Amino acid sequence: MFAGQGAQTVGMGRDLAEKYDAAAELFAKADEQLGYSLSDKMFNGPAEELTRTSICQPALYAHGLACLELLKSEVPDLEIAGVAGLSLGEFTAHAAAGTFDFATGLDLVAKRGSFMEEATSAVEGAMAALIGGEEEGIRKLAAEADVDVANLNCPGQIVISGSTEGIDKAVASAENYGVRIAQKLDVAGAYHSRLMMSAQEKLAGVLADLDLHSPALPVVCNVEAREVSEADDIRKTLEAQVSGSVRWSDCVQHYISNGETLFIELGPGRTLAGMMRRIDRSVKALSFGDLDGFEKTVEALNEG
């Protein structure tokens, strides 16, 4: 499982690069391709710069694939049953599955981040996390406030997105729809809403020109929580998720219903692993984004 925007943190990847040449080389490759030191922004910040959509998306992409590279080298007999990623992480998942190579994916997410940053500058948008409500009630709330359902993260946690006015209205009346906590998020704009359509249209143009391969591993898409393997289907679903809902809980349930019981989150923090406890407590979730977490994850996997 690959992390999405919001997981980034200053210092990400630094300890991995200091110990492992494979990580250092991958970050250096990203720096050279992008024409600026992405690794310096990852390692040293400042936080305001790393948080920029155009920076954090390639940073999380490179970091996630570095983590995967190290995991495969330290646990060579690891059998990966499939991959998925939250929002930006879906692009990392496709790179991990071989839909496109590292360089192609890096260029793609850098452009996606820039397009989304441009869209946030053009309109005044916001997002809010709603805790404790049911999907049916929250969809009614979103319709009443004229905003969109952005993320269906896990039972009891849904994120809405749209105009600042609409989000303020939704937060103010959320209690009437069974929501226990309604909290505006500290984000630059209204991701996964109709306000991202300009970014979606630009990304569609980029995706149309890409030569995509059939993934070597199952990849579950965010917008429909199903496996995608045909090039046109992959283009369509990657395009649609810019303004569409991220059905993360359903993505995870897809693999659980297939009998998977061990999930590994690759990225800073433990957001996805934390969600697993609310999605299905019977499955095991490991997580790492730094050296300490990596060593603990490898130990846990080697112990079986």
C-alpha atoms as a PDB file:
ATOM      1  CA  MET A   1       0.000   0.000   0.000  1.00  0.00           C
ATOM      2  CA  PHE A   2       1.445   3.343  -1.045  1.00  0.00           C
ATOM      3  CA  ALA A   3       0.863   6.607   0.807  1.00  0.00           C
ATOM      4  CA  GLY A   4      -0.947   9.615  -0.589  1.00  0.00           C
ATOM      5  CA  GLN A   5      -0.512  13.366  -0.357  1.00  0.00           C
ATOM      6  CA  GLY A   6      -0.463  14.570   3.238  1.00  0.00           C
ATOM      7  CA  ALA A   7       1.882  11.809   4.418  1.00  0.00           C
ATOM      8  CA  GLN A   8       5.019  13.770   3.500  1.00  0.00           C
ATOM      9  CA  THR A   9       7.311  14.881   6.311  1.00  0.00           C
ATOM     10  CA  VAL A  10      10.647  16.699   6.367  1.00  0.00           C
ATOM     11  CA  GLY A  11      13.450  14.146   6.659  1.00  0.00           C
ATOM     12  CA  MET A  12      11.624  11.475   4.663  1.00  0.00           C
ATOM     13  CA  GLY A  13      14.046   9.050   3.052  1.00  0.00           C
ATOM     14  CA  ARG A  14      17.217  10.573   4.484  1.00  0.00           C
ATOM     15  CA  ASP A  15      18.147   7.717   6.817  1.00  0.00           C
ATOM     16  CA  LEU A  16      17.337   5.143   4.134  1.00  0.00           C
ATOM     17  CA  ALA A  17      19.603   6.929   1.630  1.00  0.00           C
ATOM     18  CA  GLU A  18      22.424   7.227   4.183  1.00  0.00           C
ATOM     19  CA  LYS A  19      22.474   3.466   4.768  1.00  0.00           C
ATOM     20  CA  TYR A  20      21.400   2.003   1.426  1.00  0.00           C
ATOM     21  CA  ASP A  21      22.973   2.898  -1.921  1.00  0.00           C
ATOM     22  CA  ALA A  22      19.862   1.711  -3.779  1.00  0.00           C
ATOM     23  CA  ALA A  23      17.757   4.414  -2.113  1.00  0.00           C
ATOM     24  CA  ALA A  24      20.404   7.095  -2.573  1.00  0.00           C
ATOM     25  CA  GLU A  25      20.772   6.232  -6.255  1.00  0.00           C
ATOM     26  CA  LEU A  26      17.025   6.327  -6.864  1.00  0.00           C
ATOM     27  CA  PHE A  27      16.716   9.754  -5.219  1.00  0.00           C
ATOM     28  CA  ALA A  28      19.701  11.007  -7.236  1.00  0.00           C
ATOM     29  CA  LYS A  29      18.027   9.758 -10.403  1.00  0.00           C
ATOM     30  CA  ALA A  30      14.897  11.726  -9.492  1.00  0.00           C
ATOM     31  CA  ASP A  31      16.957  14.866  -8.822  1.00  0.00           C
ATOM     32  CA  GLU A  32      18.641  14.629 -12.204  1.00  0.00           C
ATOM     33  CA  GLN A  33      15.422  14.033 -14.117  1.00  0.00           C
ATOM     34  CA  LEU A  34      13.444  16.794 -12.417  1.00  0.00           C
ATOM     35  CA  GLY A  35      16.227  19.346 -12.752  1.00  0.00           C
ATOM     36  CA  TYR A  36      16.182  20.322  -9.089  1.00  0.00           C
ATOM     37  CA  SER A  37      17.127  18.602  -5.825  1.00  0.00           C
ATOM     38  CA  LEU A  38      13.949  16.810  -4.806  1.00  0.00           C
ATOM     39  CA  SER A  39      16.013  14.883  -2.251  1.00  0.00           C
ATOM     40  CA  ASP A  40      17.122  18.114  -0.553  1.00  0.00           C
ATOM     41  CA  LYS A  41      13.495  19.188  -0.159  1.00  0.00           C
ATOM     42  CA  MET A  42      12.657  15.722   1.189  1.00  0.00           C
ATOM     43  CA  PHE A  43      15.584  15.583   3.608  1.00  0.00           C
ATOM     44  CA  ASN A  44      15.765  19.215   4.728  1.00  0.00           C
ATOM     45  CA  GLY A  45      12.523  20.970   3.841  1.00  0.00           C
ATOM     46  CA  PRO A  46      11.378  23.534   4.679  1.00  0.00           C
ATOM     47  CA  ALA A  47       7.968  21.991   5.399  1.00  0.00           C
ATOM     48  CA  GLU A  48       6.153  24.712   3.442  1.00  0.00           C
ATOM     49  CA  GLU A  49       8.094  23.791   0.308  1.00  0.00           C
ATOM     50  CA  LEU A  50       7.751  20.019   0.715  1.00  0.00           C
ATOM     51  CA  THR A  51       4.004  20.427   1.279  1.00  0.00           C
ATOM     52  CA  ARG A  52       3.531  22.083  -2.108  1.00  0.00           C
ATOM     53  CA  THR A  53       1.469  19.770  -4.314  1.00  0.00           C
ATOM     54  CA  SER A  54       4.022  19.941  -7.131  1.00  0.00           C
ATOM     55  CA  ILE A  55       6.798  18.837  -4.757  1.00  0.00           C
ATOM     56  CA  CYS A  56       5.176  16.368  -2.370  1.00  0.00           C
ATOM     57  CA  GLN A  57       3.689  14.199  -5.128  1.00  0.00           C
ATOM     58  CA  PRO A  58       7.017  13.293  -6.793  1.00  0.00           C
ATOM     59  CA  ALA A  59       8.584  13.077  -3.309  1.00  0.00           C
ATOM     60  CA  LEU A  60       6.077  10.486  -2.116  1.00  0.00           C
ATOM     61  CA  TYR A  61       6.344   8.611  -5.406  1.00  0.00           C
ATOM     62  CA  ALA A  62      10.140   8.344  -5.208  1.00  0.00           C
ATOM     63  CA  HIS A  63      10.069   7.531  -1.506  1.00  0.00           C
ATOM     64  CA  GLY A  64       7.498   4.764  -1.907  1.00  0.00           C
ATOM     65  CA  LEU A  65       9.448   3.070  -4.694  1.00  0.00           C
ATOM     66  CA  ALA A  66      12.700   3.354  -2.732  1.00  0.00           C
ATOM     67  CA  CYS A  67      11.004   1.607   0.188  1.00  0.00           C
ATOM     68  CA  LEU A  68       9.782  -1.138  -2.140  1.00  0.00           C
ATOM     69  CA  GLU A  69      13.253  -1.588  -3.640  1.00  0.00           C
ATOM     70  CA  LEU A  70      14.787  -2.040  -0.197  1.00  0.00           C
ATOM     71  CA  LEU A  71      12.053  -4.395   0.943  1.00  0.00           C
ATOM     72  CA  LYS A  72      12.528  -6.652  -2.069  1.00  0.00           C
ATOM     73  CA  SER A  73      16.305  -6.710  -1.573  1.00  0.00           C
ATOM     74  CA  GLU A  74      16.087  -7.603   2.134  1.00  0.00           C
ATOM     75  CA  VAL A  75      13.191 -10.071   1.789  1.00  0.00           C
ATOM     76  CA  PRO A  76      13.896 -11.647  -1.627  1.00  0.00           C
ATOM     77  CA  ASP A  77      11.315 -14.410  -1.220  1.00  0.00           C
ATOM     78  CA  LEU A  78       8.497 -11.932  -0.527  1.00  0.00           C
ATOM     79  CA  GLU A  79       5.479 -12.774  -2.686  1.00  0.00           C
ATOM     80  CA  ILE A  80       3.482  -9.652  -3.540  1.00  0.00           C
ATOM     81  CA  ALA A  81      -0.157 -10.511  -4.180  1.00  0.00           C
ATOM     82  CA  GLY A  82      -1.107  -7.057  -5.394  1.00  0.00           C
ATOM     83  CA  VAL A  83      -0.666  -3.312  -4.911  1.00  0.00           C
ATOM     84  CA  ALA A  84      -2.822  -0.267  -4.246  1.00  0.00           C
ATOM     85  CA  GLY A  85      -2.237   3.349  -3.324  1.00  0.00           C
ATOM     86  CA  LEU A  86      -4.227   6.198  -1.846  1.00  0.00           C
ATOM     87  CA  SER A  87      -4.733   8.944  -4.434  1.00  0.00           C
ATOM     88  CA  LEU A  88      -1.173   9.865  -5.546  1.00  0.00           C
ATOM     89  CA  GLY A  89      -0.166   6.435  -4.217  1.00  0.00           C
ATOM     90  CA  GLU A  90      -2.132   4.768  -7.013  1.00  0.00           C
ATOM     91  CA  PHE A  91       0.486   6.087  -9.446  1.00  0.00           C
ATOM     92  CA  THR A  92       3.256   4.658  -7.252  1.00  0.00           C
ATOM     93  CA  ALA A  93       1.394   1.340  -7.237  1.00  0.00           C
ATOM     94  CA  HIS A  94       1.317   1.284 -11.031  1.00  0.00           C
ATOM     95  CA  ALA A  95       5.062   1.920 -11.179  1.00  0.00           C
ATOM     96  CA  ALA A  96       5.585  -0.911  -8.688  1.00  0.00           C
ATOM     97  CA  ALA A  97       3.512  -3.193 -10.906  1.00  0.00           C
ATOM     98  CA  GLY A  98       5.396  -2.253 -14.089  1.00  0.00           C
ATOM     99  CA  THR A  99       2.595  -0.309 -15.804  1.00  0.00           C
ATOM    100  CA  PHE A 100       5.285   2.288 -16.515  1.00  0.00           C
ATOM    101  CA  ASP A 101       8.927   2.652 -15.512  1.00  0.00           C
ATOM    102  CA  PHE A 102      10.263   4.890 -12.743  1.00  0.00           C
ATOM    103  CA  ALA A 103      11.189   7.794 -15.044  1.00  0.00           C
ATOM    104  CA  THR A 104       7.851   7.789 -16.871  1.00  0.00           C
ATOM    105  CA  GLY A 105       5.934   7.716 -13.607  1.00  0.00           C
ATOM    106  CA  LEU A 106       8.064  10.470 -12.081  1.00  0.00           C
ATOM    107  CA  ASP A 107       7.353  12.759 -15.011  1.00  0.00           C
ATOM    108  CA  LEU A 108       3.657  11.866 -14.797  1.00  0.00           C
ATOM    109  CA  VAL A 109       3.266  12.627 -11.083  1.00  0.00           C
ATOM    110  CA  ALA A 110       5.347  15.805 -11.357  1.00  0.00           C
ATOM    111  CA  LYS A 111       2.943  17.059 -14.033  1.00  0.00           C
ATOM    112  CA  ARG A 112      -0.083  15.875 -12.053  1.00  0.00           C
ATOM    113  CA  GLY A 113       1.164  17.773  -9.016  1.00  0.00           C
ATOM    114  CA  SER A 114       1.739  20.925 -11.051  1.00  0.00           C
ATOM    115  CA  PHE A 115      -1.695  20.702 -12.689  1.00  0.00           C
ATOM    116  CA  MET A 116      -3.365  20.268  -9.296  1.00  0.00           C
ATOM    117  CA  GLU A 117      -1.358  23.133  -7.806  1.00  0.00           C
ATOM    118  CA  GLU A 118      -2.503  25.361 -10.656  1.00  0.00           C
ATOM    119  CA  ALA A 119      -6.112  24.314 -10.062  1.00  0.00           C
ATOM    120  CA  THR A 120      -5.921  25.125  -6.354  1.00  0.00           C
ATOM    121  CA  SER A 121      -4.593  28.592  -7.189  1.00  0.00           C
ATOM    122  CA  ALA A 122      -7.469  29.259  -9.573  1.00  0.00           C
ATOM    123  CA  VAL A 123     -10.334  28.505  -7.184  1.00  0.00           C
ATOM    124  CA  GLU A 124     -10.903  28.822  -3.451  1.00  0.00           C
ATOM    125  CA  GLY A 125     -11.497  25.327  -2.148  1.00  0.00           C
ATOM    126  CA  ALA A 126     -11.291  23.328   1.064  1.00  0.00           C
ATOM    127  CA  MET A 127     -11.694  19.833   2.513  1.00  0.00           C
ATOM    128  CA  ALA A 128     -13.060  18.462   5.778  1.00  0.00           C
ATOM    129  CA  ALA A 129     -12.821  15.124   7.563  1.00  0.00           C
ATOM    130  CA  LEU A 130     -16.057  13.753   8.966  1.00  0.00           C
ATOM    131  CA  ILE A 131     -15.834  11.225  11.783  1.00  0.00           C
ATOM    132  CA  GLY A 132     -18.642   9.005  12.955  1.00  0.00           C
ATOM    133  CA  GLY A 133     -21.162   9.430  10.162  1.00  0.00           C
ATOM    134  CA  GLU A 134     -22.653   6.919   7.717  1.00  0.00           C
ATOM    135  CA  GLU A 135     -22.022   7.198   3.982  1.00  0.00           C
ATOM    136  CA  GLU A 136     -25.695   7.683   3.108  1.00  0.00           C
ATOM    137  CA  GLY A 137     -26.090  10.593   5.501  1.00  0.00           C
ATOM    138  CA  ILE A 138     -22.832  12.224   4.452  1.00  0.00           C
ATOM    139  CA  ARG A 139     -23.785  12.015   0.787  1.00  0.00           C
ATOM    140  CA  LYS A 140     -26.987  13.886   1.647  1.00  0.00           C
ATOM    141  CA  LEU A 141     -24.954  16.436   3.594  1.00  0.00           C
ATOM    142  CA  ALA A 142     -22.554  16.899   0.649  1.00  0.00           C
ATOM    143  CA  ALA A 143     -25.451  17.361  -1.776  1.00  0.00           C
ATOM    144  CA  GLU A 144     -27.091  19.905   0.522  1.00  0.00           C
ATOM    145  CA  ALA A 145     -23.818  21.885   0.785  1.00  0.00           C
ATOM    146  CA  ASP A 146     -23.032  21.422  -2.935  1.00  0.00           C
ATOM    147  CA  VAL A 147     -19.674  19.730  -2.271  1.00  0.00           C
ATOM    148  CA  ASP A 148     -18.272  16.321  -3.180  1.00  0.00           C
ATOM    149  CA  VAL A 149     -17.380  13.136  -1.324  1.00  0.00           C
ATOM    150  CA  ALA A 150     -13.604  12.949  -1.777  1.00  0.00           C
ATOM    151  CA  ASN A 151     -12.379   9.991   0.285  1.00  0.00           C
ATOM    152  CA  LEU A 152     -14.130   6.955   1.716  1.00  0.00           C
ATOM    153  CA  ASN A 153     -11.148   6.058   3.880  1.00  0.00           C
ATOM    154  CA  CYS A 154     -12.539   3.572   6.371  1.00  0.00           C
ATOM    155  CA  PRO A 155     -15.743   2.959   8.302  1.00  0.00           C
ATOM    156  CA  GLY A 156     -16.576   6.141  10.172  1.00  0.00           C
ATOM    157  CA  GLN A 157     -14.089   8.341   8.317  1.00  0.00           C
ATOM    158  CA  ILE A 158     -15.127  10.188   5.168  1.00  0.00           C
ATOM    159  CA  VAL A 159     -13.602  13.324   3.643  1.00  0.00           C
ATOM    160  CA  ILE A 160     -15.591  15.920   1.704  1.00  0.00           C
ATOM    161  CA  SER A 161     -14.205  18.503  -0.726  1.00  0.00           C
ATOM    162  CA  GLY A 162     -15.392  21.571  -2.580  1.00  0.00           C
ATOM    163  CA  SER A 163     -15.776  25.314  -2.341  1.00  0.00           C
ATOM    164  CA  THR A 164     -14.706  26.905   0.940  1.00  0.00           C
ATOM    165  CA  GLU A 165     -18.230  28.259   1.383  1.00  0.00           C
ATOM    166  CA  GLY A 166     -19.719  24.813   0.826  1.00  0.00           C
ATOM    167  CA  ILE A 167     -17.304  23.073   3.185  1.00  0.00           C
ATOM    168  CA  ASP A 168     -17.990  25.644   5.912  1.00  0.00           C
ATOM    169  CA  LYS A 169     -21.702  25.040   5.460  1.00  0.00           C
ATOM    170  CA  ALA A 170     -21.249  21.266   5.626  1.00  0.00           C
ATOM    171  CA  VAL A 171     -19.098  21.460   8.780  1.00  0.00           C
ATOM    172  CA  ALA A 172     -21.653  23.707  10.469  1.00  0.00           C
ATOM    173  CA  SER A 173     -24.550  21.325   9.832  1.00  0.00           C
ATOM    174  CA  ALA A 174     -22.695  17.984   9.978  1.00  0.00           C
ATOM    175  CA  GLU A 175     -24.084  17.077  13.396  1.00  0.00           C
ATOM    176  CA  ASN A 176     -27.569  16.996  11.891  1.00  0.00           C
ATOM    177  CA  TYR A 177     -26.435  14.157   9.611  1.00  0.00           C
ATOM    178  CA  GLY A 178     -25.040  11.899  12.325  1.00  0.00           C
ATOM    179  CA  VAL A 179     -21.444  13.161  12.165  1.00  0.00           C
ATOM    180  CA  ARG A 180     -19.652  13.182  15.517  1.00  0.00           C
ATOM    181  CA  ILE A 181     -16.631  15.306  14.521  1.00  0.00           C
ATOM    182  CA  ALA A 182     -16.324  17.614  11.485  1.00  0.00           C
ATOM    183  CA  GLN A 183     -12.871  19.129  11.039  1.00  0.00           C
ATOM    184  CA  LYS A 184     -11.577  21.276   8.185  1.00  0.00           C
ATOM    185  CA  LEU A 185      -8.250  19.988   6.877  1.00  0.00           C
ATOM    186  CA  ASP A 186      -5.068  22.009   6.443  1.00  0.00           C
ATOM    187  CA  VAL A 187      -4.779  21.507   2.685  1.00  0.00           C
ATOM    188  CA  ALA A 188      -4.161  23.838  -0.228  1.00  0.00           C
ATOM    189  CA  GLY A 189      -7.341  23.088  -2.135  1.00  0.00           C
ATOM    190  CA  ALA A 190     -10.328  20.928  -2.914  1.00  0.00           C
ATOM    191  CA  TYR A 191      -8.724  17.681  -4.073  1.00  0.00           C
ATOM    192  CA  HIS A 192     -10.943  14.927  -5.486  1.00  0.00           C
ATOM    193  CA  SER A 193     -13.758  17.324  -6.273  1.00  0.00           C
ATOM    194  CA  ARG A 194     -15.217  18.966  -9.350  1.00  0.00           C
ATOM    195  CA  LEU A 195     -12.921  21.948  -8.667  1.00  0.00           C
ATOM    196  CA  MET A 196     -10.042  19.766  -9.934  1.00  0.00           C
ATOM    197  CA  MET A 197     -11.540  19.321 -13.407  1.00  0.00           C
ATOM    198  CA  SER A 198      -8.997  21.630 -15.052  1.00  0.00           C
ATOM    199  CA  ALA A 199      -6.177  19.468 -13.663  1.00  0.00           C
ATOM    200  CA  GLN A 200      -7.991  16.311 -14.724  1.00  0.00           C
ATOM    201  CA  GLU A 201      -8.333  17.532 -18.303  1.00  0.00           C
ATOM    202  CA  LYS A 202      -4.627  18.402 -18.502  1.00  0.00           C
ATOM    203  CA  LEU A 203      -3.627  15.045 -17.024  1.00  0.00           C
ATOM    204  CA  ALA A 204      -5.846  13.269 -19.539  1.00  0.00           C
ATOM    205  CA  GLY A 205      -3.801  14.822 -22.337  1.00  0.00           C
ATOM    206  CA  VAL A 206      -0.572  13.528 -20.801  1.00  0.00           C
ATOM    207  CA  LEU A 207      -1.984  10.043 -20.181  1.00  0.00           C
ATOM    208  CA  ALA A 208      -3.222   9.817 -23.778  1.00  0.00           C
ATOM    209  CA  ASP A 209       0.359   9.993 -25.038  1.00  0.00           C
ATOM    210  CA  LEU A 210       1.790   7.411 -22.609  1.00  0.00           C
ATOM    211  CA  ASP A 211       2.713   3.883 -23.615  1.00  0.00           C
ATOM    212  CA  LEU A 212       1.323   1.802 -20.769  1.00  0.00           C
ATOM    213  CA  HIS A 213       2.064  -1.869 -20.127  1.00  0.00           C
ATOM    214  CA  SER A 214      -0.156  -4.516 -18.626  1.00  0.00           C
ATOM    215  CA  PRO A 215       0.702  -4.585 -14.908  1.00  0.00           C
ATOM    216  CA  ALA A 216       2.726  -7.570 -13.718  1.00  0.00           C
ATOM    217  CA  LEU A 217       0.865  -7.405 -10.392  1.00  0.00           C
ATOM    218  CA  PRO A 218      -2.812  -6.787  -9.656  1.00  0.00           C
ATOM    219  CA  VAL A 219      -3.527  -3.061  -9.225  1.00  0.00           C
ATOM    220  CA  VAL A 220      -6.803  -1.856  -7.711  1.00  0.00           C
ATOM    221  CA  CYS A 221      -8.002   1.569  -8.847  1.00  0.00           C
ATOM    222  CA  ASN A 222      -9.294   4.201  -6.424  1.00  0.00           C
ATOM    223  CA  VAL A 223     -12.438   5.287  -8.212  1.00  0.00           C
ATOM    224  CA  GLU A 224     -14.050   1.879  -8.696  1.00  0.00           C
ATOM    225  CA  ALA A 225     -12.116  -0.357  -6.259  1.00  0.00           C
ATOM    226  CA  ARG A 226     -11.478  -3.013  -8.887  1.00  0.00           C
ATOM    227  CA  GLU A 227      -8.451  -4.422 -10.665  1.00  0.00           C
ATOM    228  CA  VAL A 228      -7.368  -2.678 -13.854  1.00  0.00           C
ATOM    229  CA  SER A 229      -5.043  -4.147 -16.469  1.00  0.00           C
ATOM    230  CA  GLU A 230      -5.908  -2.761 -19.914  1.00  0.00           C
ATOM    231  CA  ALA A 231      -4.107   0.422 -20.979  1.00  0.00           C
ATOM    232  CA  ASP A 232      -7.242   2.403 -21.834  1.00  0.00           C
ATOM    233  CA  ASP A 233      -8.899   1.374 -18.585  1.00  0.00           C
ATOM    234  CA  ILE A 234      -5.827   2.446 -16.611  1.00  0.00           C
ATOM    235  CA  ARG A 235      -5.789   5.821 -18.367  1.00  0.00           C
ATOM    236  CA  LYS A 236      -9.486   6.325 -17.661  1.00  0.00           C
ATOM    237  CA  THR A 237      -9.274   5.462 -13.967  1.00  0.00           C
ATOM    238  CA  LEU A 238      -6.099   7.472 -13.305  1.00  0.00           C
ATOM    239  CA  GLU A 239      -7.704  10.455 -14.993  1.00  0.00           C
ATOM    240  CA  ALA A 240     -11.028  10.089 -13.170  1.00  0.00           C
ATOM    241  CA  GLN A 241      -9.541   9.941  -9.687  1.00  0.00           C
ATOM    242  CA  VAL A 242      -8.296  13.554  -9.880  1.00  0.00           C
ATOM    243  CA  SER A 243     -11.860  14.770  -9.357  1.00  0.00           C
ATOM    244  CA  GLY A 244     -13.488  11.479  -8.312  1.00  0.00           C
ATOM    245  CA  SER A 245     -13.923   9.776  -4.961  1.00  0.00           C
ATOM    246  CA  VAL A 246     -11.130   7.638  -3.517  1.00  0.00           C
ATOM    247  CA  ARG A 247     -12.831   4.430  -2.376  1.00  0.00           C
ATOM    248  CA  TRP A 248      -9.921   3.334  -0.191  1.00  0.00           C
ATOM    249  CA  SER A 249     -11.843   1.101   2.187  1.00  0.00           C
ATOM    250  CA  ASP A 250     -13.296  -0.807  -0.776  1.00  0.00           C
ATOM    251  CA  CYS A 251      -9.830  -1.098  -2.367  1.00  0.00           C
ATOM    252  CA  VAL A 252      -8.531  -2.826   0.743  1.00  0.00           C
ATOM    253  CA  GLN A 253     -11.644  -4.975   1.058  1.00  0.00           C
ATOM    254  CA  HIS A 254     -11.036  -6.195  -2.494  1.00  0.00           C
ATOM    255  CA  TYR A 255      -7.816  -7.852  -1.381  1.00  0.00           C
ATOM    256  CA  ILE A 256      -9.269  -9.066   1.922  1.00  0.00           C
ATOM    257  CA  SER A 257     -12.097 -10.772   0.028  1.00  0.00           C
ATOM    258  CA  ASN A 258      -9.412 -12.502  -2.060  1.00  0.00           C
ATOM    259  CA  GLY A 259      -7.972 -13.988   1.110  1.00  0.00           C
ATOM    260  CA  GLU A 260      -5.090 -11.586   1.775  1.00  0.00           C
ATOM    261  CA  THR A 261      -4.231 -11.164   5.449  1.00  0.00           C
ATOM    262  CA  LEU A 262      -0.960  -9.166   5.450  1.00  0.00           C
ATOM    263  CA  PHE A 263      -0.698  -5.584   4.219  1.00  0.00           C
ATOM    264  CA  ILE A 264       2.444  -3.435   4.129  1.00  0.00           C
ATOM    265  CA  GLU A 265       2.271   0.364   3.978  1.00  0.00           C
ATOM    266  CA  LEU A 266       5.215   2.026   2.215  1.00  0.00           C
ATOM    267  CA  GLY A 267       5.518   5.723   3.022  1.00  0.00           C
ATOM    268  CA  PRO A 268       5.955   8.218   5.861  1.00  0.00           C
ATOM    269  CA  GLY A 269       3.692   7.812   8.866  1.00  0.00           C
ATOM    270  CA  ARG A 270       1.184   5.060   9.566  1.00  0.00           C
ATOM    271  CA  THR A 271      -2.007   6.529   8.116  1.00  0.00           C
ATOM    272  CA  LEU A 272      -2.952   3.540   5.953  1.00  0.00           C
ATOM    273  CA  ALA A 273      -1.986   0.976   8.584  1.00  0.00           C
ATOM    274  CA  GLY A 274      -4.074   2.921  11.084  1.00  0.00           C
ATOM    275  CA  MET A 275      -7.081   2.776   8.778  1.00  0.00           C
ATOM    276  CA  MET A 276      -6.705  -1.001   8.540  1.00  0.00           C
ATOM    277  CA  ARG A 277      -7.733  -1.331  12.179  1.00  0.00           C
ATOM    278  CA  ARG A 278     -11.095   0.223  11.310  1.00  0.00           C
ATOM    279  CA  ILE A 279     -11.503  -1.639   8.022  1.00  0.00           C
ATOM    280  CA  ASP A 280     -10.769  -5.151   9.335  1.00  0.00           C
ATOM    281  CA  ARG A 281      -9.018  -5.898  12.613  1.00  0.00           C
ATOM    282  CA  SER A 282      -8.476  -9.532  11.643  1.00  0.00           C
ATOM    283  CA  VAL A 283      -5.758  -8.701   9.110  1.00  0.00           C
ATOM    284  CA  LYS A 284      -2.199  -7.620   9.914  1.00  0.00           C
ATOM    285  CA  ALA A 285      -0.775  -4.286   8.749  1.00  0.00           C
ATOM    286  CA  LEU A 286       2.907  -3.379   8.789  1.00  0.00           C
ATOM    287  CA  SER A 287       4.236   0.060   7.922  1.00  0.00           C
ATOM    288  CA  PHE A 288       7.558   1.747   7.283  1.00  0.00           C
ATOM    289  CA  GLY A 289       8.977   4.914   5.841  1.00  0.00           C
ATOM    290  CA  ASP A 290      12.202   5.215   7.789  1.00  0.00           C
ATOM    291  CA  LEU A 291      15.123   3.009   8.805  1.00  0.00           C
ATOM    292  CA  ASP A 292      13.707   1.959  12.169  1.00  0.00           C
ATOM    293  CA  GLY A 293      10.368   0.966  10.648  1.00  0.00           C
ATOM    294  CA  PHE A 294      12.125  -0.821   7.809  1.00  0.00           C
ATOM    295  CA  GLU A 295      14.208  -2.954  10.156  1.00  0.00           C
ATOM    296  CA  LYS A 296      11.135  -3.846  12.233  1.00  0.00           C
ATOM    297  CA  THR A 297       9.159  -4.736   9.102  1.00  0.00           C
ATOM    298  CA  VAL A 298      11.929  -6.962   7.737  1.00  0.00           C
ATOM    299  CA  GLU A 299      12.228  -8.675  11.121  1.00  0.00           C
ATOM    300  CA  ALA A 300       8.494  -9.291  11.252  1.00  0.00           C
ATOM    301  CA  LEU A 301       8.435 -10.711   7.721  1.00  0.00           C
ATOM    302  CA  ASN A 302      11.429 -12.974   8.323  1.00  0.00           C
ATOM    303  CA  GLU A 303       9.789 -14.306  11.467  1.00  0.00           C
ATOM    304  CA  GLY A 304       6.840 -15.310   9.317  1.00  0.00           C
END
